[in-house]
């Protein structure tokens, strides 16, 4: 054990003595010389972007059209909020099977919703029931057994 300790101390002493003989390895004067000899890169002038021509609306196809579902039952229309505007919302297709290997499609349903209020939307896991909450008024849209039911609550 003593031999290992003596050997390690000898190596440390040798390293320290060589470092003192060479002097400090970082010289501040060298850094100034290097910065003076480097050339400034040439200035790059900005290149203007090419102008984009407007494209007709027909070329912008984002997705397939969602069909409007026509077998809809509206419950309690007397509870529709005053000054409501028609609005389309999507819900899971009621004709699609529940347990399928692929995702069910969506259908659009028209509801009447207040235009001035922001909505809070709650949805079930499978997407077959959505509640659009507008504070005092709410709209429940349910999709099951081949039909969609829209219920207005106040």
C-alpha atoms as a PDB file:
ATOM      1  CA  UNK A   1       0.000   0.000   0.000  1.00  0.00           C
ATOM      2  CA  UNK A   2       2.861   2.355   0.825  1.00  0.00           C
ATOM      3  CA  UNK A   3       4.410   1.809  -2.613  1.00  0.00           C
ATOM      4  CA  UNK A   4       1.206   2.919  -4.349  1.00  0.00           C
ATOM      5  CA  UNK A   5       0.914   6.051  -2.218  1.00  0.00           C
ATOM      6  CA  UNK A   6       4.564   6.957  -2.799  1.00  0.00           C
ATOM      7  CA  UNK A   7       4.219   6.371  -6.543  1.00  0.00           C
ATOM      8  CA  UNK A   8       1.090   8.590  -6.709  1.00  0.00           C
ATOM      9  CA  UNK A   9       2.753  11.385  -4.719  1.00  0.00           C
ATOM     10  CA  UNK A  10       5.793  11.179  -6.998  1.00  0.00           C
ATOM     11  CA  UNK A  11       3.620  11.536 -10.099  1.00  0.00           C
ATOM     12  CA  UNK A  12       1.835  14.545  -8.622  1.00  0.00           C
ATOM     13  CA  UNK A  13       5.155  16.214  -7.745  1.00  0.00           C
ATOM     14  CA  UNK A  14       6.497  15.551 -11.248  1.00  0.00           C
ATOM     15  CA  UNK A  15       3.388  17.061 -12.844  1.00  0.00           C
ATOM     16  CA  UNK A  16       3.547  20.164 -10.643  1.00  0.00           C
ATOM     17  CA  UNK A  17       7.253  20.728 -11.350  1.00  0.00           C
ATOM     18  CA  UNK A  18       6.748  20.426 -15.125  1.00  0.00           C
ATOM     19  CA  UNK A  19       3.838  22.852 -14.992  1.00  0.00           C
ATOM     20  CA  UNK A  20       5.973  25.391 -13.101  1.00  0.00           C
ATOM     21  CA  UNK A  21       8.831  25.016 -15.590  1.00  0.00           C
ATOM     22  CA  UNK A  22       6.550  25.657 -18.600  1.00  0.00           C
ATOM     23  CA  UNK A  23       4.750  28.626 -17.053  1.00  0.00           C
ATOM     24  CA  UNK A  24       1.064  29.415 -17.432  1.00  0.00           C
ATOM     25  CA  UNK A  25      -0.508  27.774 -20.464  1.00  0.00           C
ATOM     26  CA  UNK A  26      -2.923  30.650 -21.217  1.00  0.00           C
ATOM     27  CA  UNK A  27      -1.392  33.936 -22.231  1.00  0.00           C
ATOM     28  CA  UNK A  28      -3.694  36.957 -22.602  1.00  0.00           C
ATOM     29  CA  UNK A  29      -1.387  38.568 -25.153  1.00  0.00           C
ATOM     30  CA  UNK A  30      -1.900  35.690 -27.576  1.00  0.00           C
ATOM     31  CA  UNK A  31      -5.660  36.223 -27.528  1.00  0.00           C
ATOM     32  CA  UNK A  32      -5.265  39.856 -28.556  1.00  0.00           C
ATOM     33  CA  UNK A  33      -2.997  38.910 -31.439  1.00  0.00           C
ATOM     34  CA  UNK A  34      -5.444  36.305 -32.678  1.00  0.00           C
ATOM     35  CA  UNK A  35      -8.359  38.723 -32.612  1.00  0.00           C
ATOM     36  CA  UNK A  36      -6.354  41.322 -34.528  1.00  0.00           C
ATOM     37  CA  UNK A  37      -5.390  38.907 -37.301  1.00  0.00           C
ATOM     38  CA  UNK A  38      -8.851  37.501 -37.983  1.00  0.00           C
ATOM     39  CA  UNK A  39     -10.593  39.151 -40.890  1.00  0.00           C
ATOM     40  CA  UNK A  40     -14.094  40.539 -40.613  1.00  0.00           C
ATOM     41  CA  UNK A  41     -16.534  38.429 -42.663  1.00  0.00           C
ATOM     42  CA  UNK A  42     -17.951  40.209 -45.698  1.00  0.00           C
ATOM     43  CA  UNK A  43     -21.346  41.800 -45.184  1.00  0.00           C
ATOM     44  CA  UNK A  44     -24.186  39.867 -46.797  1.00  0.00           C
ATOM     45  CA  UNK A  45     -26.833  42.022 -48.360  1.00  0.00           C
ATOM     46  CA  UNK A  46     -30.436  40.898 -47.736  1.00  0.00           C
ATOM     47  CA  UNK A  47     -32.115  39.158 -50.640  1.00  0.00           C
ATOM     48  CA  UNK A  48     -35.786  40.073 -51.133  1.00  0.00           C
ATOM     49  CA  UNK A  49     -38.321  37.259 -51.008  1.00  0.00           C
ATOM     50  CA  UNK A  50     -40.033  36.407 -54.282  1.00  0.00           C
ATOM     51  CA  UNK A  51     -43.589  37.675 -54.477  1.00  0.00           C
ATOM     52  CA  UNK A  52     -46.264  35.031 -54.133  1.00  0.00           C
ATOM     53  CA  UNK A  53     -49.117  35.078 -56.571  1.00  0.00           C
ATOM     54  CA  UNK A  54     -52.584  34.628 -55.050  1.00  0.00           C
ATOM     55  CA  UNK A  55     -54.083  31.226 -55.742  1.00  0.00           C
ATOM     56  CA  UNK A  56     -57.746  30.544 -56.395  1.00  0.00           C
ATOM     57  CA  UNK A  57     -59.764  29.117 -53.522  1.00  0.00           C
ATOM     58  CA  UNK A  58     -60.523  25.920 -55.476  1.00  0.00           C
ATOM     59  CA  UNK A  59     -56.940  24.717 -55.158  1.00  0.00           C
ATOM     60  CA  UNK A  60     -57.004  24.776 -51.346  1.00  0.00           C
ATOM     61  CA  UNK A  61     -58.644  21.491 -50.376  1.00  0.00           C
ATOM     62  CA  UNK A  62     -58.125  20.857 -46.672  1.00  0.00           C
ATOM     63  CA  UNK A  63     -60.360  17.861 -46.021  1.00  0.00           C
ATOM     64  CA  UNK A  64     -63.434  16.037 -47.157  1.00  0.00           C
ATOM     65  CA  UNK A  65     -66.828  17.624 -46.756  1.00  0.00           C
ATOM     66  CA  UNK A  66     -68.701  16.649 -43.582  1.00  0.00           C
ATOM     67  CA  UNK A  67     -72.308  15.746 -44.414  1.00  0.00           C
ATOM     68  CA  UNK A  68     -75.192  17.454 -42.608  1.00  0.00           C
ATOM     69  CA  UNK A  69     -77.238  14.823 -40.795  1.00  0.00           C
ATOM     70  CA  UNK A  70     -80.960  15.017 -41.511  1.00  0.00           C
ATOM     71  CA  UNK A  71     -82.434  12.577 -38.958  1.00  0.00           C
ATOM     72  CA  UNK A  72     -82.307  14.983 -35.992  1.00  0.00           C
ATOM     73  CA  UNK A  73     -84.818  15.250 -33.145  1.00  0.00           C
ATOM     74  CA  UNK A  74     -84.989  18.603 -31.330  1.00  0.00           C
ATOM     75  CA  UNK A  75     -86.257  18.545 -27.726  1.00  0.00           C
ATOM     76  CA  UNK A  76     -87.456  21.561 -25.697  1.00  0.00           C
ATOM     77  CA  UNK A  77     -87.095  24.248 -28.384  1.00  0.00           C
ATOM     78  CA  UNK A  78     -88.759  26.713 -25.975  1.00  0.00           C
ATOM     79  CA  UNK A  79     -85.465  26.755 -23.998  1.00  0.00           C
ATOM     80  CA  UNK A  80     -83.442  28.165 -26.895  1.00  0.00           C
ATOM     81  CA  UNK A  81     -81.540  31.263 -25.778  1.00  0.00           C
ATOM     82  CA  UNK A  82     -82.910  34.571 -27.090  1.00  0.00           C
ATOM     83  CA  UNK A  83     -80.975  36.162 -29.976  1.00  0.00           C
ATOM     84  CA  UNK A  84     -79.408  32.803 -30.878  1.00  0.00           C
ATOM     85  CA  UNK A  85     -77.684  32.140 -34.163  1.00  0.00           C
ATOM     86  CA  UNK A  86     -77.587  28.837 -36.051  1.00  0.00           C
ATOM     87  CA  UNK A  87     -74.297  26.994 -35.725  1.00  0.00           C
ATOM     88  CA  UNK A  88     -72.993  23.679 -37.078  1.00  0.00           C
ATOM     89  CA  UNK A  89     -71.339  21.244 -34.682  1.00  0.00           C
ATOM     90  CA  UNK A  90     -69.882  17.816 -35.397  1.00  0.00           C
ATOM     91  CA  UNK A  91     -70.727  14.606 -33.613  1.00  0.00           C
ATOM     92  CA  UNK A  92     -69.944  10.934 -34.163  1.00  0.00           C
ATOM     93  CA  UNK A  93     -71.999   9.329 -36.921  1.00  0.00           C
ATOM     94  CA  UNK A  94     -74.914   7.509 -35.210  1.00  0.00           C
ATOM     95  CA  UNK A  95     -75.065   4.934 -38.015  1.00  0.00           C
ATOM     96  CA  UNK A  96     -71.438   3.866 -37.483  1.00  0.00           C
ATOM     97  CA  UNK A  97     -70.892   0.695 -35.413  1.00  0.00           C
ATOM     98  CA  UNK A  98     -69.673   1.248 -31.856  1.00  0.00           C
ATOM     99  CA  UNK A  99     -66.983  -1.442 -31.870  1.00  0.00           C
ATOM    100  CA  UNK A 100     -65.162  -1.111 -35.157  1.00  0.00           C
ATOM    101  CA  UNK A 101     -61.505  -1.411 -36.100  1.00  0.00           C
ATOM    102  CA  UNK A 102     -61.481   2.048 -37.690  1.00  0.00           C
ATOM    103  CA  UNK A 103     -62.581   5.405 -36.336  1.00  0.00           C
ATOM    104  CA  UNK A 104     -66.235   6.325 -36.894  1.00  0.00           C
ATOM    105  CA  UNK A 105     -67.035   9.213 -39.183  1.00  0.00           C
ATOM    106  CA  UNK A 106     -68.524  12.532 -38.154  1.00  0.00           C
ATOM    107  CA  UNK A 107     -71.727  14.265 -39.146  1.00  0.00           C
ATOM    108  CA  UNK A 108     -72.682  17.913 -38.823  1.00  0.00           C
ATOM    109  CA  UNK A 109     -75.770  19.004 -36.879  1.00  0.00           C
ATOM    110  CA  UNK A 110     -77.281  22.484 -36.743  1.00  0.00           C
ATOM    111  CA  UNK A 111     -77.955  23.956 -33.301  1.00  0.00           C
ATOM    112  CA  UNK A 112     -78.971  27.416 -32.106  1.00  0.00           C
ATOM    113  CA  UNK A 113     -76.396  28.963 -29.791  1.00  0.00           C
ATOM    114  CA  UNK A 114     -75.959  32.413 -28.237  1.00  0.00           C
ATOM    115  CA  UNK A 115     -73.543  34.476 -30.299  1.00  0.00           C
ATOM    116  CA  UNK A 116     -72.199  36.651 -27.495  1.00  0.00           C
ATOM    117  CA  UNK A 117     -71.267  33.923 -24.996  1.00  0.00           C
ATOM    118  CA  UNK A 118     -68.195  31.723 -24.984  1.00  0.00           C
ATOM    119  CA  UNK A 119     -68.896  28.038 -24.724  1.00  0.00           C
ATOM    120  CA  UNK A 120     -67.597  25.285 -22.504  1.00  0.00           C
ATOM    121  CA  UNK A 121     -67.690  21.970 -24.368  1.00  0.00           C
ATOM    122  CA  UNK A 122     -67.768  18.671 -22.511  1.00  0.00           C
ATOM    123  CA  UNK A 123     -67.606  15.391 -24.386  1.00  0.00           C
ATOM    124  CA  UNK A 124     -67.835  11.696 -23.514  1.00  0.00           C
ATOM    125  CA  UNK A 125     -64.929   9.359 -24.258  1.00  0.00           C
ATOM    126  CA  UNK A 126     -66.476   7.881 -27.379  1.00  0.00           C
ATOM    127  CA  UNK A 127     -67.735  11.278 -28.601  1.00  0.00           C
ATOM    128  CA  UNK A 128     -71.391  10.260 -28.782  1.00  0.00           C
ATOM    129  CA  UNK A 129     -72.554  12.941 -26.302  1.00  0.00           C
ATOM    130  CA  UNK A 130     -71.469  16.586 -26.247  1.00  0.00           C
ATOM    131  CA  UNK A 131     -72.655  19.351 -23.931  1.00  0.00           C
ATOM    132  CA  UNK A 132     -72.227  22.947 -25.087  1.00  0.00           C
ATOM    133  CA  UNK A 133     -72.539  25.058 -21.938  1.00  0.00           C
ATOM    134  CA  UNK A 134     -73.209  28.800 -22.336  1.00  0.00           C
ATOM    135  CA  UNK A 135     -73.754  29.651 -18.677  1.00  0.00           C
ATOM    136  CA  UNK A 136     -77.511  30.016 -18.204  1.00  0.00           C
ATOM    137  CA  UNK A 137     -78.254  28.036 -21.382  1.00  0.00           C
ATOM    138  CA  UNK A 138     -76.824  24.747 -22.594  1.00  0.00           C
ATOM    139  CA  UNK A 139     -77.273  22.445 -25.571  1.00  0.00           C
ATOM    140  CA  UNK A 140     -76.876  18.663 -25.330  1.00  0.00           C
ATOM    141  CA  UNK A 141     -76.185  16.767 -28.560  1.00  0.00           C
ATOM    142  CA  UNK A 142     -76.448  12.961 -28.379  1.00  0.00           C
ATOM    143  CA  UNK A 143     -75.811  10.417 -31.108  1.00  0.00           C
ATOM    144  CA  UNK A 144     -77.204   6.885 -30.797  1.00  0.00           C
ATOM    145  CA  UNK A 145     -79.300   4.276 -32.630  1.00  0.00           C
ATOM    146  CA  UNK A 146     -79.281   5.955 -36.009  1.00  0.00           C
ATOM    147  CA  UNK A 147     -80.459   9.387 -34.889  1.00  0.00           C
ATOM    148  CA  UNK A 148     -79.152  12.538 -33.276  1.00  0.00           C
ATOM    149  CA  UNK A 149     -81.012  14.217 -30.414  1.00  0.00           C
ATOM    150  CA  UNK A 150     -80.514  17.907 -29.623  1.00  0.00           C
ATOM    151  CA  UNK A 151     -81.851  19.009 -26.219  1.00  0.00           C
ATOM    152  CA  UNK A 152     -81.972  22.669 -25.188  1.00  0.00           C
ATOM    153  CA  UNK A 153     -81.666  23.428 -21.466  1.00  0.00           C
ATOM    154  CA  UNK A 154     -82.093  26.677 -19.602  1.00  0.00           C
END
